[in-house]
Protein backbone atom coordinates (compact mmCIF):
# COMPACT_ATOMS: atom_id res chain seq x y z
CA MET A 1 19.94 -0.44 82.08
CA ALA A 2 16.69 -2.33 82.39
CA ASN A 3 15.14 -3.08 85.77
CA ILE A 4 13.07 -6.10 84.80
CA LYS A 5 14.82 -9.47 84.93
CA SER A 6 13.59 -10.63 81.51
CA ALA A 7 14.69 -7.36 79.89
CA LYS A 8 18.15 -7.76 81.41
CA LYS A 9 18.34 -11.26 79.98
CA ARG A 10 17.24 -10.05 76.53
CA ILE A 11 20.04 -7.46 76.57
CA LEU A 12 22.63 -10.13 77.40
CA VAL A 13 21.30 -12.50 74.74
CA ALA A 14 21.25 -9.74 72.13
CA GLU A 15 24.86 -8.82 72.92
CA LYS A 16 25.93 -12.45 72.61
CA LYS A 17 24.17 -12.86 69.26
CA ALA A 18 25.58 -9.57 67.95
CA ALA A 19 29.12 -10.66 68.85
CA ARG A 20 28.61 -14.03 67.13
CA ASN A 21 27.18 -12.41 64.01
CA LYS A 22 30.00 -9.87 63.89
CA ALA A 23 32.65 -12.58 64.16
CA ILE A 24 31.10 -14.64 61.37
CA LYS A 25 30.67 -11.60 59.09
CA SER A 26 34.30 -10.67 59.72
CA LYS A 27 35.43 -14.19 58.82
CA VAL A 28 33.45 -14.08 55.56
CA LYS A 29 34.92 -10.67 54.66
CA THR A 30 38.45 -11.97 55.29
CA CYS A 31 37.81 -14.96 53.03
CA ILE A 32 36.45 -12.69 50.30
CA LYS A 33 39.56 -10.50 50.52
CA LYS A 34 41.77 -13.58 50.10
CA VAL A 35 39.93 -14.59 46.93
CA GLU A 36 40.07 -11.05 45.53
CA ALA A 37 43.81 -10.84 46.29
CA ALA A 38 44.42 -14.13 44.45
CA VAL A 39 42.38 -12.89 41.47
CA GLU A 40 44.35 -9.62 41.48
CA ALA A 41 47.60 -11.61 41.45
CA GLN A 42 46.26 -13.81 38.61
CA ASP A 43 46.93 -16.93 40.74
CA LYS A 44 44.29 -19.36 39.48
CA GLU A 45 45.16 -22.28 41.76
CA THR A 46 45.11 -20.26 44.98
CA ALA A 47 41.98 -18.43 43.86
CA ASN A 48 40.14 -21.73 43.31
CA THR A 49 41.08 -23.16 46.70
CA GLU A 50 40.19 -19.91 48.48
CA LEU A 51 36.93 -19.72 46.50
CA LEU A 52 35.83 -23.15 47.75
CA ASN A 53 36.62 -22.15 51.34
CA THR A 54 34.80 -18.83 50.94
CA ILE A 55 31.70 -20.43 49.40
CA SER A 56 31.57 -22.77 52.39
CA GLU A 57 31.82 -19.89 54.88
CA ILE A 58 29.19 -17.78 53.06
CA THR A 59 26.79 -20.73 52.90
CA LYS A 60 27.23 -21.44 56.62
CA ALA A 61 26.54 -17.79 57.42
CA ALA A 62 23.42 -17.81 55.23
CA ASN A 63 22.15 -21.00 56.88
CA LYS A 64 22.56 -19.38 60.30
CA GLY A 65 20.52 -16.39 59.13
CA ILE A 66 23.39 -13.90 59.23
CA TYR A 67 23.10 -13.21 55.49
CA HIS A 68 19.91 -13.37 53.43
CA LYS A 69 20.05 -16.26 50.97
CA ASN A 70 19.95 -13.95 47.95
CA ASN A 71 22.75 -11.83 49.40
CA ALA A 72 24.84 -14.97 49.89
CA ALA A 73 24.06 -16.17 46.36
CA ARG A 74 25.08 -12.77 44.96
CA LYS A 75 28.39 -12.80 46.83
CA ILE A 76 29.16 -16.36 45.66
CA SER A 77 28.20 -15.52 42.08
CA ARG A 78 30.42 -12.43 41.93
CA LEU A 79 33.41 -14.26 43.40
CA THR A 80 32.98 -17.24 41.06
CA LYS A 81 32.72 -14.91 38.08
CA ALA A 82 35.92 -13.11 39.17
CA VAL A 83 37.84 -16.37 39.58
CA ASN A 84 36.61 -17.67 36.23
CA SER A 85 37.78 -14.46 34.54
CA ILE A 86 41.43 -15.37 35.24
CA ALA A 87 42.99 -16.42 31.95
């Protein structure tokens, strides 16, 4: 553990940010799984509604700096392509 007051504060702030980032990443992963499950089940309606929700969550995460914008765009693109592949 650090001895200097500012170093102690940095540790606490870093832990808080890491917990926030982890929670948001977990939420995005859960949303992605829901979309993939709907695609697997060939349920177009559910897949579309989950896709909209997931795109929103991914965009929010990217705007907060948790995901790089290109990473977010790639995730959205792959999910959209999967949903559009449902006959």
